[in-house]
Amino acid sequence: MTGAISSAQELVEYKKIDTTKLSLEVHNPPEFDASKKYPAMVFFFGGGWVSGDRSHFLNHAKYFAKRGIVCFLADYRTANKHKTTPFESLKDANSAIRYVRQNASDFSIDPDKIIASGGSAGGHLAAATALTSGYDEVTDVSSISHVPNALVLFNPVIDNGPGGYGFVRVGEAFVNFSPLHNIRKGAPPTAILLGTKDALVPVETAEYYQKVMEKVGSTCELFLHEGQPHGFFNIGNFEYYKKTVLEADGFLQKLGYLKEQPKVAIEK
């Protein structure tokens, strides 16, 4: 890739597998200045590694771009569209983070301030890029890390072990695939946003995840929303979309990725 991206929105191809092309939709801050270094935020859509598309987090990307982050909406392979497994989805997520870091200067981003985010299975992918290893595409530049510097996870399926989400599909590979089973010292600071009535991600799982993260000396903030189901953070549930966006914003302020200004209206 060459040349800085200066438009508010642009599509770049980050990976090609046979005839399959995967893209990142780039959303830059208003009054983008290519001489600056911005934080980056890479979003992975939900859909059980089966369906979905990058538009899932469009509203989030628009908001955080206005707040001063270069945002990326990532394609990745899914079962319905590409006849692939969750393992290919994770390989693609790792490739996406690597691509953003490798081309940091072209995007005018700080390669040490890359935030991975996602919802449900996309939340799994974000967390797994940070915690797991062994899911690398042979065409990737392995010397470039796929580990993001921070995580913002919306009802993520973080436990893929027996009794957890996706075990029927990943089987014994959960040992290497499941974020909960791969938390380690130096894990990136993490925010988890979850409804207490989530049928796929029990509160107890998120609380245990937080406990293990803290045990290894890593930050994990858990934001629980009483009575809310899986997917409660989407813009169709505007009250909770707004609440969770502001919680994520506050978390990124604590990390120093955002400042209090500019204030941005949260719109449908």
C-alpha atoms as a PDB file:
ATOM      1  CA  MET A   1       0.000   0.000   0.000  1.00  0.00           C
ATOM      2  CA  THR A   2       1.253   3.503  -0.796  1.00  0.00           C
ATOM      3  CA  GLY A   3       0.003   6.994  -0.185  1.00  0.00           C
ATOM      4  CA  ALA A   4      -1.897   8.420   2.779  1.00  0.00           C
ATOM      5  CA  ILE A   5      -5.625   7.940   2.930  1.00  0.00           C
ATOM      6  CA  SER A   6      -7.219  11.332   3.315  1.00  0.00           C
ATOM      7  CA  SER A   7     -10.866  10.763   2.441  1.00  0.00           C
ATOM      8  CA  ALA A   8     -13.514  10.278   5.118  1.00  0.00           C
ATOM      9  CA  GLN A   9     -14.134   6.763   3.916  1.00  0.00           C
ATOM     10  CA  GLU A  10     -12.186   4.413   1.665  1.00  0.00           C
ATOM     11  CA  LEU A  11     -12.002   0.696   0.962  1.00  0.00           C
ATOM     12  CA  VAL A  12      -8.618  -1.056   0.948  1.00  0.00           C
ATOM     13  CA  GLU A  13      -7.931  -4.710   0.223  1.00  0.00           C
ATOM     14  CA  TYR A  14      -5.944  -6.268   3.051  1.00  0.00           C
ATOM     15  CA  LYS A  15      -5.958  -9.896   1.979  1.00  0.00           C
ATOM     16  CA  LYS A  16      -6.629 -12.202  -0.963  1.00  0.00           C
ATOM     17  CA  ILE A  17      -7.121 -15.962  -0.678  1.00  0.00           C
ATOM     18  CA  ASP A  18      -7.598 -17.625  -4.055  1.00  0.00           C
ATOM     19  CA  THR A  19     -10.431 -15.560  -5.557  1.00  0.00           C
ATOM     20  CA  THR A  20     -11.652 -14.187  -2.216  1.00  0.00           C
ATOM     21  CA  LYS A  21     -10.776 -10.555  -1.561  1.00  0.00           C
ATOM     22  CA  LEU A  22     -11.129  -9.117   1.934  1.00  0.00           C
ATOM     23  CA  SER A  23     -11.297  -5.399   2.615  1.00  0.00           C
ATOM     24  CA  LEU A  24     -11.071  -2.831   5.358  1.00  0.00           C
ATOM     25  CA  GLU A  25     -13.454   0.109   5.227  1.00  0.00           C
ATOM     26  CA  VAL A  26     -11.538   3.098   6.560  1.00  0.00           C
ATOM     27  CA  HIS A  27     -13.188   5.982   8.403  1.00  0.00           C
ATOM     28  CA  ASN A  28     -10.915   8.922   9.168  1.00  0.00           C
ATOM     29  CA  PRO A  29     -11.489  11.718  11.673  1.00  0.00           C
ATOM     30  CA  PRO A  30     -12.907  14.986  10.323  1.00  0.00           C
ATOM     31  CA  GLU A  31     -10.202  17.415   9.262  1.00  0.00           C
ATOM     32  CA  PHE A  32      -7.836  14.468   8.988  1.00  0.00           C
ATOM     33  CA  ASP A  33      -4.198  15.553   9.167  1.00  0.00           C
ATOM     34  CA  ALA A  34      -1.807  13.042   7.592  1.00  0.00           C
ATOM     35  CA  SER A  35       1.108  14.535   9.536  1.00  0.00           C
ATOM     36  CA  LYS A  36      -0.417  13.397  12.848  1.00  0.00           C
ATOM     37  CA  LYS A  37      -0.485   9.942  14.416  1.00  0.00           C
ATOM     38  CA  TYR A  38      -3.950   8.750  15.402  1.00  0.00           C
ATOM     39  CA  PRO A  39      -5.062   5.723  17.418  1.00  0.00           C
ATOM     40  CA  ALA A  40      -6.685   2.984  15.322  1.00  0.00           C
ATOM     41  CA  MET A  41      -9.783   0.890  16.042  1.00  0.00           C
ATOM     42  CA  VAL A  42     -10.519  -2.308  14.087  1.00  0.00           C
ATOM     43  CA  PHE A  43     -14.087  -3.650  14.295  1.00  0.00           C
ATOM     44  CA  PHE A  44     -15.135  -7.269  13.684  1.00  0.00           C
ATOM     45  CA  PHE A  45     -18.832  -7.960  13.076  1.00  0.00           C
ATOM     46  CA  GLY A  46     -20.886 -10.613  14.893  1.00  0.00           C
ATOM     47  CA  GLY A  47     -22.793 -13.547  13.467  1.00  0.00           C
ATOM     48  CA  GLY A  48     -21.373 -16.714  14.980  1.00  0.00           C
ATOM     49  CA  TRP A  49     -18.553 -16.889  12.386  1.00  0.00           C
ATOM     50  CA  VAL A  50     -21.433 -17.911  10.085  1.00  0.00           C
ATOM     51  CA  SER A  51     -22.926 -14.706   8.718  1.00  0.00           C
ATOM     52  CA  GLY A  52     -22.776 -10.924   8.966  1.00  0.00           C
ATOM     53  CA  ASP A  53     -20.862  -8.144   7.245  1.00  0.00           C
ATOM     54  CA  ARG A  54     -18.641  -5.210   8.079  1.00  0.00           C
ATOM     55  CA  SER A  55     -21.531  -2.691   8.193  1.00  0.00           C
ATOM     56  CA  HIS A  56     -22.452  -4.026  11.657  1.00  0.00           C
ATOM     57  CA  PHE A  57     -20.260  -1.449  13.401  1.00  0.00           C
ATOM     58  CA  LEU A  58     -20.701   1.409  10.938  1.00  0.00           C
ATOM     59  CA  ASN A  59     -22.293   3.712  13.504  1.00  0.00           C
ATOM     60  CA  HIS A  60     -19.587   2.948  16.051  1.00  0.00           C
ATOM     61  CA  ALA A  61     -16.900   3.677  13.468  1.00  0.00           C
ATOM     62  CA  LYS A  62     -18.490   6.999  12.533  1.00  0.00           C
ATOM     63  CA  TYR A  63     -18.699   8.017  16.185  1.00  0.00           C
ATOM     64  CA  PHE A  64     -15.140   7.075  17.131  1.00  0.00           C
ATOM     65  CA  ALA A  65     -13.756   8.624  13.943  1.00  0.00           C
ATOM     66  CA  LYS A  66     -15.335  11.920  15.005  1.00  0.00           C
ATOM     67  CA  ARG A  67     -13.666  11.443  18.389  1.00  0.00           C
ATOM     68  CA  GLY A  68     -10.252  11.229  16.730  1.00  0.00           C
ATOM     69  CA  ILE A  69      -9.630   7.565  15.951  1.00  0.00           C
ATOM     70  CA  VAL A  70      -8.947   6.091  12.513  1.00  0.00           C
ATOM     71  CA  CYS A  71     -11.542   3.312  12.342  1.00  0.00           C
ATOM     72  CA  PHE A  72     -11.530   0.148  10.240  1.00  0.00           C
ATOM     73  CA  LEU A  73     -14.518  -2.101   9.495  1.00  0.00           C
ATOM     74  CA  ALA A  74     -13.089  -5.502   8.645  1.00  0.00           C
ATOM     75  CA  ASP A  75     -14.296  -8.215   6.298  1.00  0.00           C
ATOM     76  CA  TYR A  76     -13.510 -11.798   7.246  1.00  0.00           C
ATOM     77  CA  ARG A  77     -14.511 -15.201   5.933  1.00  0.00           C
ATOM     78  CA  THR A  78     -17.735 -16.772   7.240  1.00  0.00           C
ATOM     79  CA  ALA A  79     -19.387 -20.162   6.865  1.00  0.00           C
ATOM     80  CA  ASN A  80     -22.390 -19.006   4.846  1.00  0.00           C
ATOM     81  CA  LYS A  81     -20.468 -16.926   2.345  1.00  0.00           C
ATOM     82  CA  HIS A  82     -17.152 -18.760   2.106  1.00  0.00           C
ATOM     83  CA  LYS A  83     -17.864 -22.278   3.485  1.00  0.00           C
ATOM     84  CA  THR A  84     -15.160 -21.762   6.087  1.00  0.00           C
ATOM     85  CA  THR A  85     -14.684 -22.590   9.771  1.00  0.00           C
ATOM     86  CA  PRO A  86     -14.147 -20.271  12.745  1.00  0.00           C
ATOM     87  CA  PHE A  87     -10.416 -20.915  12.355  1.00  0.00           C
ATOM     88  CA  GLU A  88     -10.314 -19.118   8.994  1.00  0.00           C
ATOM     89  CA  SER A  89     -12.236 -16.241  10.552  1.00  0.00           C
ATOM     90  CA  LEU A  90      -9.520 -15.887  13.177  1.00  0.00           C
ATOM     91  CA  LYS A  91      -6.744 -16.105  10.590  1.00  0.00           C
ATOM     92  CA  ASP A  92      -8.393 -13.201   8.773  1.00  0.00           C
ATOM     93  CA  ALA A  93      -8.732 -11.161  11.958  1.00  0.00           C
ATOM     94  CA  ASN A  94      -5.027 -11.651  12.662  1.00  0.00           C
ATOM     95  CA  SER A  95      -4.216 -10.630   9.089  1.00  0.00           C
ATOM     96  CA  ALA A  96      -6.317  -7.480   9.458  1.00  0.00           C
ATOM     97  CA  ILE A  97      -4.503  -6.338  12.615  1.00  0.00           C
ATOM     98  CA  ARG A  98      -1.157  -7.089  11.013  1.00  0.00           C
ATOM     99  CA  TYR A  99      -2.090  -5.144   7.890  1.00  0.00           C
ATOM    100  CA  VAL A 100      -3.104  -2.079   9.885  1.00  0.00           C
ATOM    101  CA  ARG A 101       0.116  -2.184  11.906  1.00  0.00           C
ATOM    102  CA  GLN A 102       2.315  -2.865   8.854  1.00  0.00           C
ATOM    103  CA  ASN A 103       0.792   0.115   7.041  1.00  0.00           C
ATOM    104  CA  ALA A 104       0.559   2.388  10.056  1.00  0.00           C
ATOM    105  CA  SER A 105       2.471   5.229   8.408  1.00  0.00           C
ATOM    106  CA  ASP A 106       0.191   5.167   5.346  1.00  0.00           C
ATOM    107  CA  PHE A 107      -2.882   5.420   7.565  1.00  0.00           C
ATOM    108  CA  SER A 108      -1.255   8.030   9.849  1.00  0.00           C
ATOM    109  CA  ILE A 109      -1.797   5.854  12.904  1.00  0.00           C
ATOM    110  CA  ASP A 110       0.298   4.956  15.917  1.00  0.00           C
ATOM    111  CA  PRO A 111       1.181   1.232  15.580  1.00  0.00           C
ATOM    112  CA  ASP A 112       1.278   1.013  19.380  1.00  0.00           C
ATOM    113  CA  LYS A 113      -2.281   2.288  19.789  1.00  0.00           C
ATOM    114  CA  ILE A 114      -4.360  -0.276  17.914  1.00  0.00           C
ATOM    115  CA  ILE A 115      -7.695  -1.154  19.511  1.00  0.00           C
ATOM    116  CA  ALA A 116      -9.506  -4.331  18.451  1.00  0.00           C
ATOM    117  CA  SER A 117     -13.258  -4.352  18.920  1.00  0.00           C
ATOM    118  CA  GLY A 118     -16.219  -6.501  17.986  1.00  0.00           C
ATOM    119  CA  GLY A 119     -19.508  -7.997  19.057  1.00  0.00           C
ATOM    120  CA  SER A 120     -20.402 -11.608  19.857  1.00  0.00           C
ATOM    121  CA  ALA A 121     -18.271 -13.812  17.553  1.00  0.00           C
ATOM    122  CA  GLY A 122     -16.589 -10.611  16.380  1.00  0.00           C
ATOM    123  CA  GLY A 123     -15.788  -9.916  20.023  1.00  0.00           C
ATOM    124  CA  HIS A 124     -14.243 -13.366  20.165  1.00  0.00           C
ATOM    125  CA  LEU A 125     -12.079 -12.542  17.147  1.00  0.00           C
ATOM    126  CA  ALA A 126     -10.908  -9.274  18.685  1.00  0.00           C
ATOM    127  CA  ALA A 127     -10.004 -10.996  21.958  1.00  0.00           C
ATOM    128  CA  ALA A 128      -8.414 -13.958  20.177  1.00  0.00           C
ATOM    129  CA  THR A 129      -6.097 -11.719  18.130  1.00  0.00           C
ATOM    130  CA  ALA A 130      -4.774 -10.509  21.485  1.00  0.00           C
ATOM    131  CA  LEU A 131      -4.509 -13.794  23.361  1.00  0.00           C
ATOM    132  CA  THR A 132      -4.146 -16.767  21.024  1.00  0.00           C
ATOM    133  CA  SER A 133      -1.418 -17.931  18.678  1.00  0.00           C
ATOM    134  CA  GLY A 134      -1.060 -20.431  15.871  1.00  0.00           C
ATOM    135  CA  TYR A 135      -3.743 -19.033  13.567  1.00  0.00           C
ATOM    136  CA  ASP A 136      -1.533 -17.342  11.020  1.00  0.00           C
ATOM    137  CA  GLU A 137      -2.009 -17.167   7.274  1.00  0.00           C
ATOM    138  CA  VAL A 138       1.088 -18.447   5.457  1.00  0.00           C
ATOM    139  CA  THR A 139       1.114 -15.224   3.443  1.00  0.00           C
ATOM    140  CA  ASP A 140       1.237 -13.020   6.573  1.00  0.00           C
ATOM    141  CA  VAL A 141       4.424 -11.279   7.634  1.00  0.00           C
ATOM    142  CA  SER A 142       4.929 -13.208  10.866  1.00  0.00           C
ATOM    143  CA  SER A 143       7.448 -10.711  12.241  1.00  0.00           C
ATOM    144  CA  ILE A 144       4.630  -8.151  12.533  1.00  0.00           C
ATOM    145  CA  SER A 145       2.507  -8.688  15.626  1.00  0.00           C
ATOM    146  CA  HIS A 146      -1.235  -9.288  15.331  1.00  0.00           C
ATOM    147  CA  VAL A 147      -1.706  -8.449  19.014  1.00  0.00           C
ATOM    148  CA  PRO A 148      -3.715  -5.232  19.508  1.00  0.00           C
ATOM    149  CA  ASN A 149      -2.886  -2.819  22.300  1.00  0.00           C
ATOM    150  CA  ALA A 150      -6.385  -2.639  23.791  1.00  0.00           C
ATOM    151  CA  LEU A 151      -9.748  -4.396  23.477  1.00  0.00           C
ATOM    152  CA  VAL A 152     -13.340  -3.137  23.511  1.00  0.00           C
ATOM    153  CA  LEU A 153     -15.621  -6.191  23.496  1.00  0.00           C
ATOM    154  CA  PHE A 154     -19.400  -6.138  23.115  1.00  0.00           C
ATOM    155  CA  ASN A 155     -20.992  -9.317  24.566  1.00  0.00           C
ATOM    156  CA  PRO A 156     -18.015 -11.351  23.312  1.00  0.00           C
ATOM    157  CA  VAL A 157     -18.111 -15.152  23.187  1.00  0.00           C
ATOM    158  CA  ILE A 158     -14.899 -15.488  25.191  1.00  0.00           C
ATOM    159  CA  ASP A 159     -15.406 -19.087  26.369  1.00  0.00           C
ATOM    160  CA  ASN A 160     -15.333 -21.670  23.564  1.00  0.00           C
ATOM    161  CA  GLY A 161     -14.666 -24.617  25.850  1.00  0.00           C
ATOM    162  CA  PRO A 162     -17.119 -27.394  26.836  1.00  0.00           C
ATOM    163  CA  GLY A 163     -20.371 -25.660  27.742  1.00  0.00           C
ATOM    164  CA  GLY A 164     -19.239 -22.449  26.085  1.00  0.00           C
ATOM    165  CA  TYR A 165     -20.313 -20.946  22.784  1.00  0.00           C
ATOM    166  CA  GLY A 166     -18.951 -22.602  19.652  1.00  0.00           C
ATOM    167  CA  PHE A 167     -17.526 -25.728  21.282  1.00  0.00           C
ATOM    168  CA  VAL A 168     -19.604 -27.917  18.989  1.00  0.00           C
ATOM    169  CA  ARG A 169     -17.743 -26.373  16.039  1.00  0.00           C
ATOM    170  CA  VAL A 170     -14.209 -26.006  17.367  1.00  0.00           C
ATOM    171  CA  GLY A 171     -14.052 -29.111  19.550  1.00  0.00           C
ATOM    172  CA  GLU A 172     -10.814 -29.819  21.379  1.00  0.00           C
ATOM    173  CA  ALA A 173      -9.145 -26.962  19.516  1.00  0.00           C
ATOM    174  CA  PHE A 174     -10.784 -24.695  22.120  1.00  0.00           C
ATOM    175  CA  VAL A 175      -7.583 -25.075  24.148  1.00  0.00           C
ATOM    176  CA  ASN A 176      -5.812 -22.778  21.687  1.00  0.00           C
ATOM    177  CA  PHE A 177      -8.844 -20.948  20.254  1.00  0.00           C
ATOM    178  CA  SER A 178     -10.768 -19.780  23.331  1.00  0.00           C
ATOM    179  CA  PRO A 179      -9.712 -16.401  24.778  1.00  0.00           C
ATOM    180  CA  LEU A 180     -10.708 -17.407  28.312  1.00  0.00           C
ATOM    181  CA  HIS A 181      -8.309 -20.343  28.164  1.00  0.00           C
ATOM    182  CA  ASN A 182      -5.394 -18.248  26.885  1.00  0.00           C
ATOM    183  CA  ILE A 183      -5.258 -15.247  29.206  1.00  0.00           C
ATOM    184  CA  ARG A 184      -1.628 -14.495  29.951  1.00  0.00           C
ATOM    185  CA  LYS A 185       0.584 -11.936  31.626  1.00  0.00           C
ATOM    186  CA  GLY A 186       0.724  -8.781  29.520  1.00  0.00           C
ATOM    187  CA  ALA A 187      -2.769  -9.228  28.066  1.00  0.00           C
ATOM    188  CA  PRO A 188      -4.030  -5.937  26.575  1.00  0.00           C
ATOM    189  CA  PRO A 189      -6.330  -3.801  28.746  1.00  0.00           C
ATOM    190  CA  THR A 190      -9.895  -4.840  28.052  1.00  0.00           C
ATOM    191  CA  ALA A 191     -13.432  -3.513  28.373  1.00  0.00           C
ATOM    192  CA  ILE A 192     -16.343  -5.979  28.269  1.00  0.00           C
ATOM    193  CA  LEU A 193     -19.888  -4.679  27.795  1.00  0.00           C
ATOM    194  CA  LEU A 194     -22.564  -7.243  28.596  1.00  0.00           C
ATOM    195  CA  GLY A 195     -26.269  -7.602  29.338  1.00  0.00           C
ATOM    196  CA  THR A 196     -27.214  -9.608  32.421  1.00  0.00           C
ATOM    197  CA  LYS A 197     -29.803 -11.600  30.438  1.00  0.00           C
ATOM    198  CA  ASP A 198     -27.422 -12.649  27.676  1.00  0.00           C
ATOM    199  CA  ALA A 199     -28.326 -16.234  26.720  1.00  0.00           C
ATOM    200  CA  LEU A 200     -24.959 -16.891  25.062  1.00  0.00           C
ATOM    201  CA  VAL A 201     -22.498 -15.203  27.412  1.00  0.00           C
ATOM    202  CA  PRO A 202     -23.228 -15.789  31.114  1.00  0.00           C
ATOM    203  CA  VAL A 203     -22.366 -12.998  33.516  1.00  0.00           C
ATOM    204  CA  GLU A 204     -20.389 -15.554  35.534  1.00  0.00           C
ATOM    205  CA  THR A 205     -18.140 -16.180  32.514  1.00  0.00           C
ATOM    206  CA  ALA A 206     -17.372 -12.481  32.106  1.00  0.00           C
ATOM    207  CA  GLU A 207     -16.749 -12.088  35.834  1.00  0.00           C
ATOM    208  CA  TYR A 208     -14.358 -15.052  35.798  1.00  0.00           C
ATOM    209  CA  TYR A 209     -12.598 -13.604  32.751  1.00  0.00           C
ATOM    210  CA  GLN A 210     -12.154 -10.335  34.625  1.00  0.00           C
ATOM    211  CA  LYS A 211     -10.819 -12.193  37.672  1.00  0.00           C
ATOM    212  CA  VAL A 212      -8.219 -14.102  35.629  1.00  0.00           C
ATOM    213  CA  MET A 213      -7.188 -10.920  33.809  1.00  0.00           C
ATOM    214  CA  GLU A 214      -6.630  -9.151  37.107  1.00  0.00           C
ATOM    215  CA  LYS A 215      -4.716 -12.165  38.443  1.00  0.00           C
ATOM    216  CA  VAL A 216      -2.155 -11.817  35.638  1.00  0.00           C
ATOM    217  CA  GLY A 217      -1.901  -8.083  36.251  1.00  0.00           C
ATOM    218  CA  SER A 218      -4.017  -6.858  33.333  1.00  0.00           C
ATOM    219  CA  THR A 219      -6.870  -4.362  33.312  1.00  0.00           C
ATOM    220  CA  CYS A 220     -10.367  -5.673  32.606  1.00  0.00           C
ATOM    221  CA  GLU A 221     -13.353  -3.413  33.117  1.00  0.00           C
ATOM    222  CA  LEU A 222     -16.740  -5.137  33.066  1.00  0.00           C
ATOM    223  CA  PHE A 223     -19.814  -3.037  32.290  1.00  0.00           C
ATOM    224  CA  LEU A 224     -23.024  -4.937  33.112  1.00  0.00           C
ATOM    225  CA  HIS A 225     -26.437  -3.797  31.914  1.00  0.00           C
ATOM    226  CA  GLU A 226     -29.326  -5.137  33.913  1.00  0.00           C
ATOM    227  CA  GLY A 227     -31.934  -7.169  32.052  1.00  0.00           C
ATOM    228  CA  GLN A 228     -30.381  -6.736  28.618  1.00  0.00           C
ATOM    229  CA  PRO A 229     -30.081  -9.649  26.149  1.00  0.00           C
ATOM    230  CA  HIS A 230     -27.438 -10.605  23.616  1.00  0.00           C
ATOM    231  CA  GLY A 231     -26.963  -7.882  21.008  1.00  0.00           C
ATOM    232  CA  PHE A 232     -28.339  -5.165  23.298  1.00  0.00           C
ATOM    233  CA  PHE A 233     -25.590  -2.721  22.265  1.00  0.00           C
ATOM    234  CA  ASN A 234     -26.699  -2.410  18.628  1.00  0.00           C
ATOM    235  CA  ILE A 235     -28.101   0.889  17.405  1.00  0.00           C
ATOM    236  CA  GLY A 236     -31.640  -0.504  17.157  1.00  0.00           C
ATOM    237  CA  ASN A 237     -31.639  -0.407  20.953  1.00  0.00           C
ATOM    238  CA  PHE A 238     -30.554   3.215  20.935  1.00  0.00           C
ATOM    239  CA  GLU A 239     -30.609   3.817  24.703  1.00  0.00           C
ATOM    240  CA  TYR A 240     -28.079   1.051  25.283  1.00  0.00           C
ATOM    241  CA  TYR A 241     -26.149   1.775  22.117  1.00  0.00           C
ATOM    242  CA  LYS A 242     -25.556   5.241  23.541  1.00  0.00           C
ATOM    243  CA  LYS A 243     -24.705   3.961  27.013  1.00  0.00           C
ATOM    244  CA  THR A 244     -22.191   1.408  25.772  1.00  0.00           C
ATOM    245  CA  VAL A 245     -20.547   3.822  23.338  1.00  0.00           C
ATOM    246  CA  LEU A 246     -20.007   6.275  26.189  1.00  0.00           C
ATOM    247  CA  GLU A 247     -18.625   3.516  28.425  1.00  0.00           C
ATOM    248  CA  ALA A 248     -16.199   2.472  25.701  1.00  0.00           C
ATOM    249  CA  ASP A 249     -15.264   6.120  25.192  1.00  0.00           C
ATOM    250  CA  GLY A 250     -14.556   6.555  28.897  1.00  0.00           C
ATOM    251  CA  PHE A 251     -12.444   3.410  28.945  1.00  0.00           C
ATOM    252  CA  LEU A 252     -10.328   4.684  26.035  1.00  0.00           C
ATOM    253  CA  GLN A 253      -9.935   8.032  27.794  1.00  0.00           C
ATOM    254  CA  LYS A 254      -8.517   6.226  30.832  1.00  0.00           C
ATOM    255  CA  LEU A 255      -5.995   4.513  28.588  1.00  0.00           C
ATOM    256  CA  GLY A 256      -4.984   7.850  27.080  1.00  0.00           C
ATOM    257  CA  TYR A 257      -6.221   6.970  23.584  1.00  0.00           C
ATOM    258  CA  LEU A 258      -8.849   9.710  23.692  1.00  0.00           C
ATOM    259  CA  LYS A 259      -9.157  13.112  25.297  1.00  0.00           C
ATOM    260  CA  GLU A 260     -12.373  14.515  26.705  1.00  0.00           C
ATOM    261  CA  GLN A 261     -12.723  16.775  23.662  1.00  0.00           C
ATOM    262  CA  PRO A 262     -14.102  16.978  21.032  1.00  0.00           C
ATOM    263  CA  LYS A 263     -17.588  16.238  22.312  1.00  0.00           C
ATOM    264  CA  VAL A 264     -19.558  14.249  19.746  1.00  0.00           C
ATOM    265  CA  ALA A 265     -23.322  13.870  19.541  1.00  0.00           C
ATOM    266  CA  ILE A 266     -24.419  10.232  19.469  1.00  0.00           C
ATOM    267  CA  GLU A 267     -26.958   9.927  16.689  1.00  0.00           C
ATOM    268  CA  LYS A 268     -29.055   7.224  15.061  1.00  0.00           C
END
